[in-house]
């Protein structure tokens, strides 16, 4: 993972030796996430549940296309089971969930989910959601996570080899935070897959250079699987 300034790579070592079972979500938190999805994202088509989860149970909700949001939306529920290890002074919640959007015709059958060429966005969401707990660290806006070291594409035929965490652009600002009845605040963050050159741009030239490149290409969390690199 690289830091928010783009000054270089931060390499982390796993904290846990072996499988650590998730304690499961607090009911009040899970219900707040459900309500938030219904209000801001749309009706849930189905949920990809984890049965045996390491550290946190990262379930992925598939929100079907609507007239207001004519594309599929994937959102995690469970990353916020535990707080991230956020250093003092950053002003963000230690609780977060992640989302990204897929074209309306992206296949989401069981066969497609088990095919790396079409199932990689779900796998990527789960990997990034578990990362701060696995390494006792944190992620926030404009952190980027290469897919491996060195970075490799998520699947054959896919040009993307990393991801950057961003504020959501397809959701109004009122939907960027989930407030639970007990006062817990969960930040809802987007993932934008990156080409290798865009990952390198962030590391070598910093966040501002990457933001400028993505803005130039009109890139949002709605994945265009055929988009060119803008680095």
Protein backbone atom coordinates (compact mmCIF):
# COMPACT_ATOMS: atom_id res chain seq x y z
CA UNK A 1 0.00 0.00 0.00
CA UNK A 2 1.24 3.51 -0.63
CA UNK A 3 0.59 6.46 1.62
CA UNK A 4 -1.73 9.33 0.84
CA UNK A 5 1.08 11.69 -0.18
CA UNK A 6 2.40 9.31 -2.80
CA UNK A 7 5.87 9.47 -1.33
CA UNK A 8 6.45 5.75 -1.75
CA UNK A 9 5.31 2.28 -0.84
CA UNK A 10 4.50 1.23 2.70
CA UNK A 11 5.07 -2.50 3.10
CA UNK A 12 3.22 -4.21 5.94
CA UNK A 13 3.66 -7.61 7.55
CA UNK A 14 0.60 -9.67 8.59
CA UNK A 15 -0.11 -9.36 12.29
CA UNK A 16 -1.89 -12.69 12.77
CA UNK A 17 -0.43 -16.16 12.40
CA UNK A 18 -3.21 -18.28 10.94
CA UNK A 19 -6.98 -18.03 10.84
CA UNK A 20 -8.77 -15.81 13.36
CA UNK A 21 -12.55 -16.23 13.28
CA UNK A 22 -14.74 -13.16 12.90
CA UNK A 23 -16.84 -12.28 15.93
CA UNK A 24 -19.71 -11.28 13.64
CA UNK A 25 -21.48 -7.96 13.19
CA UNK A 26 -23.41 -6.02 15.79
CA UNK A 27 -27.07 -6.23 14.79
CA UNK A 28 -27.57 -2.47 15.09
CA UNK A 29 -24.68 -1.81 12.70
CA UNK A 30 -25.82 -4.41 10.15
CA UNK A 31 -29.34 -2.95 10.16
CA UNK A 32 -28.01 0.60 9.71
CA UNK A 33 -25.99 -0.51 6.68
CA UNK A 34 -29.07 -2.22 5.21
CA UNK A 35 -31.16 0.94 5.62
CA UNK A 36 -28.43 3.10 4.10
CA UNK A 37 -28.13 0.87 1.05
CA UNK A 38 -31.89 0.98 0.48
CA UNK A 39 -32.02 4.78 0.83
CA UNK A 40 -29.03 5.80 -1.25
CA UNK A 41 -28.13 2.91 -3.56
CA UNK A 42 -31.26 0.93 -4.37
CA UNK A 43 -32.83 -2.51 -3.96
CA UNK A 44 -30.56 -5.42 -3.11
CA UNK A 45 -30.67 -8.26 -5.65
CA UNK A 46 -28.70 -10.71 -3.51
CA UNK A 47 -25.92 -10.91 -0.92
CA UNK A 48 -22.69 -12.87 -1.22
CA UNK A 49 -22.33 -14.13 2.33
CA UNK A 50 -19.12 -15.41 3.86
CA UNK A 51 -19.53 -18.53 5.97
CA UNK A 52 -16.13 -18.81 7.69
CA UNK A 53 -14.50 -15.37 7.85
CA UNK A 54 -10.97 -14.36 8.85
CA UNK A 55 -10.98 -11.41 11.29
CA UNK A 56 -14.12 -9.76 9.82
CA UNK A 57 -17.00 -11.15 7.79
CA UNK A 58 -16.93 -9.26 4.50
CA UNK A 59 -20.33 -9.80 2.90
CA UNK A 60 -20.91 -8.18 -0.50
CA UNK A 61 -24.32 -6.77 -1.41
CA UNK A 62 -25.30 -6.57 -5.08
CA UNK A 63 -27.65 -3.65 -5.74
CA UNK A 64 -29.57 -3.99 -8.98
CA UNK A 65 -29.69 -1.22 -11.61
CA UNK A 66 -32.40 1.40 -11.21
CA UNK A 67 -33.59 4.34 -13.27
CA UNK A 68 -31.69 6.67 -10.94
CA UNK A 69 -28.58 4.47 -10.88
CA UNK A 70 -28.57 2.51 -14.18
CA UNK A 71 -25.69 0.22 -13.23
CA UNK A 72 -24.88 -2.46 -10.67
CA UNK A 73 -23.45 -1.45 -7.29
CA UNK A 74 -21.36 -3.68 -5.03
CA UNK A 75 -21.01 -2.69 -1.37
CA UNK A 76 -19.41 -4.45 1.58
CA UNK A 77 -21.03 -5.06 4.94
CA UNK A 78 -18.71 -6.30 7.66
CA UNK A 79 -15.45 -4.39 7.22
CA UNK A 80 -16.76 -2.16 10.03
CA UNK A 81 -17.06 -5.08 12.48
CA UNK A 82 -13.74 -3.86 13.88
CA UNK A 83 -12.11 -0.41 13.92
CA UNK A 84 -9.10 0.29 11.73
CA UNK A 85 -5.87 1.46 13.35
CA UNK A 86 -6.06 5.14 12.38
CA UNK A 87 -3.24 7.38 13.66
CA UNK A 88 -4.18 10.50 15.59
CA UNK A 89 -4.76 13.67 13.63
CA UNK A 90 -6.37 12.27 10.47
CA UNK A 91 -9.93 13.21 11.34
CA UNK A 92 -11.60 10.16 9.79
CA UNK A 93 -13.71 7.42 11.31
CA UNK A 94 -11.92 4.16 12.13
CA UNK A 95 -14.97 2.36 10.69
CA UNK A 96 -15.46 2.00 6.94
CA UNK A 97 -17.21 0.04 4.20
CA UNK A 98 -16.30 -0.07 0.51
CA UNK A 99 -18.21 0.10 -2.76
CA UNK A 100 -17.78 0.17 -6.52
CA UNK A 101 -20.12 0.13 -9.50
CA UNK A 102 -20.24 -2.19 -12.50
CA UNK A 103 -21.96 -1.86 -15.89
CA UNK A 104 -25.56 -3.07 -15.84
CA UNK A 105 -24.70 -5.99 -18.12
CA UNK A 106 -21.77 -7.23 -15.99
CA UNK A 107 -22.44 -10.96 -15.42
CA UNK A 108 -23.12 -11.90 -11.81
CA UNK A 109 -24.16 -15.53 -12.09
CA UNK A 110 -22.49 -18.14 -9.88
CA UNK A 111 -20.39 -19.22 -12.86
CA UNK A 112 -19.34 -15.62 -13.55
CA UNK A 113 -18.41 -15.03 -9.91
CA UNK A 114 -16.12 -18.08 -10.00
CA UNK A 115 -14.51 -16.92 -13.26
CA UNK A 116 -11.52 -14.66 -12.54
CA UNK A 117 -12.28 -12.57 -15.62
CA UNK A 118 -15.65 -11.46 -14.24
CA UNK A 119 -15.39 -12.23 -10.52
CA UNK A 120 -12.30 -10.16 -9.76
CA UNK A 121 -14.16 -6.99 -8.61
CA UNK A 122 -15.78 -8.95 -5.77
CA UNK A 123 -12.44 -10.50 -4.82
CA UNK A 124 -10.79 -7.06 -4.90
CA UNK A 125 -13.44 -5.58 -2.59
CA UNK A 126 -12.92 -8.38 -0.08
CA UNK A 127 -9.13 -8.10 -0.20
CA UNK A 128 -9.08 -4.36 0.42
CA UNK A 129 -11.80 -4.55 3.11
CA UNK A 130 -9.82 -7.12 5.10
CA UNK A 131 -6.40 -5.45 4.57
CA UNK A 132 -6.49 -2.91 7.45
CA UNK A 133 -7.44 -5.65 9.92
CA UNK A 134 -4.93 -8.18 8.58
CA UNK A 135 -2.06 -5.69 8.87
CA UNK A 136 -3.35 -3.52 11.75
CA UNK A 137 -3.31 -0.41 9.60
CA UNK A 138 -5.92 1.81 7.92
CA UNK A 139 -7.13 3.00 4.56
CA UNK A 140 -8.70 6.33 3.66
CA UNK A 141 -9.30 8.56 0.65
CA UNK A 142 -6.44 8.47 -1.88
CA UNK A 143 -4.65 5.53 -0.39
CA UNK A 144 -3.77 3.12 -3.16
CA UNK A 145 -3.24 -0.63 -2.98
CA UNK A 146 -1.26 -2.43 -5.71
CA UNK A 147 -2.34 -5.98 -6.50
CA UNK A 148 0.75 -7.70 -5.17
CA UNK A 149 4.40 -6.68 -5.00
CA UNK A 150 5.20 -6.28 -7.82
CA UNK A 151 1.65 -5.49 -8.96
CA UNK A 152 -0.01 -7.86 -11.42
CA UNK A 153 -3.40 -7.68 -13.16
CA UNK A 154 -6.38 -8.93 -11.17
CA UNK A 155 -7.25 -11.41 -13.93
CA UNK A 156 -6.26 -12.46 -17.43
CA UNK A 157 -7.52 -9.94 -19.96
CA UNK A 158 -7.91 -7.25 -17.29
CA UNK A 159 -5.56 -4.24 -17.47
CA UNK A 160 -6.05 -3.19 -13.85
CA UNK A 161 -3.33 -4.05 -11.33
CA UNK A 162 -4.22 -1.94 -8.32
CA UNK A 163 -6.88 0.26 -6.80
CA UNK A 164 -7.22 3.69 -5.25
CA UNK A 165 -9.65 4.56 -2.46
CA UNK A 166 -11.68 7.67 -3.27
CA UNK A 167 -14.70 9.65 -2.12
CA UNK A 168 -17.83 8.50 -3.93
CA UNK A 169 -18.89 10.49 -6.98
CA UNK A 170 -22.08 8.57 -7.87
CA UNK A 171 -23.69 9.07 -4.44
CA UNK A 172 -24.82 12.42 -2.98
CA UNK A 173 -22.80 13.76 -0.06
CA UNK A 174 -25.57 12.88 2.41
CA UNK A 175 -24.89 9.23 1.61
CA UNK A 176 -21.16 9.27 2.28
CA UNK A 177 -21.51 8.33 5.97
CA UNK A 178 -23.60 5.79 7.82
CA UNK A 179 -24.56 6.91 11.33
CA UNK A 180 -25.59 4.09 13.66
CA UNK A 181 -28.02 4.68 16.52
CA UNK A 182 -25.28 4.22 19.12
CA UNK A 183 -23.24 7.03 17.55
CA UNK A 184 -20.86 4.86 15.51
CA UNK A 185 -19.94 6.61 12.24
CA UNK A 186 -19.03 4.48 9.21
CA UNK A 187 -17.37 6.12 6.21
CA UNK A 188 -18.53 4.70 2.89
CA UNK A 189 -15.60 4.83 0.43
CA UNK A 190 -15.27 3.98 -3.25
CA UNK A 191 -12.66 1.85 -5.01
CA UNK A 192 -11.36 2.83 -8.45
CA UNK A 193 -9.28 0.18 -10.25
CA UNK A 194 -6.03 1.51 -11.73
CA UNK A 195 -3.74 0.66 -14.63
CA UNK A 196 -0.10 -0.09 -13.66
CA UNK A 197 0.99 3.30 -15.02
CA UNK A 198 -1.60 5.03 -12.83
CA UNK A 199 -0.39 3.14 -9.76
CA UNK A 200 3.16 4.25 -10.61
CA UNK A 201 2.01 7.83 -11.14
CA UNK A 202 0.51 7.94 -7.64
CA UNK A 203 3.68 6.51 -6.07
CA UNK A 204 6.16 8.69 -7.94
CA UNK A 205 4.31 11.99 -8.42
CA UNK A 206 1.72 11.97 -5.65
CA UNK A 207 -1.99 12.21 -5.12
CA UNK A 208 -2.47 15.47 -7.01
CA UNK A 209 -1.03 14.00 -10.20
CA UNK A 210 -3.32 10.97 -9.99
CA UNK A 211 -6.41 13.09 -9.28
CA UNK A 212 -5.61 15.28 -12.28
CA UNK A 213 -5.19 12.22 -14.52
CA UNK A 214 -8.44 10.59 -13.38
CA UNK A 215 -10.36 13.87 -13.68
CA UNK A 216 -9.04 14.28 -17.20
CA UNK A 217 -10.46 10.89 -18.10
CA UNK A 218 -13.76 11.39 -16.28
CA UNK A 219 -13.03 8.32 -14.15
CA UNK A 220 -15.40 7.49 -11.27
CA UNK A 221 -16.16 4.39 -9.22
CA UNK A 222 -18.32 3.16 -12.13
CA UNK A 223 -15.90 0.69 -13.70
CA UNK A 224 -15.27 0.96 -17.43
CA UNK A 225 -13.43 -2.30 -18.12
CA UNK A 226 -12.10 -0.99 -21.44
CA UNK A 227 -10.93 2.44 -20.38
CA UNK A 228 -7.37 3.45 -21.31
CA UNK A 229 -4.74 4.54 -18.83
CA UNK A 230 -4.72 8.29 -18.19
CA UNK A 231 -1.22 8.38 -16.70
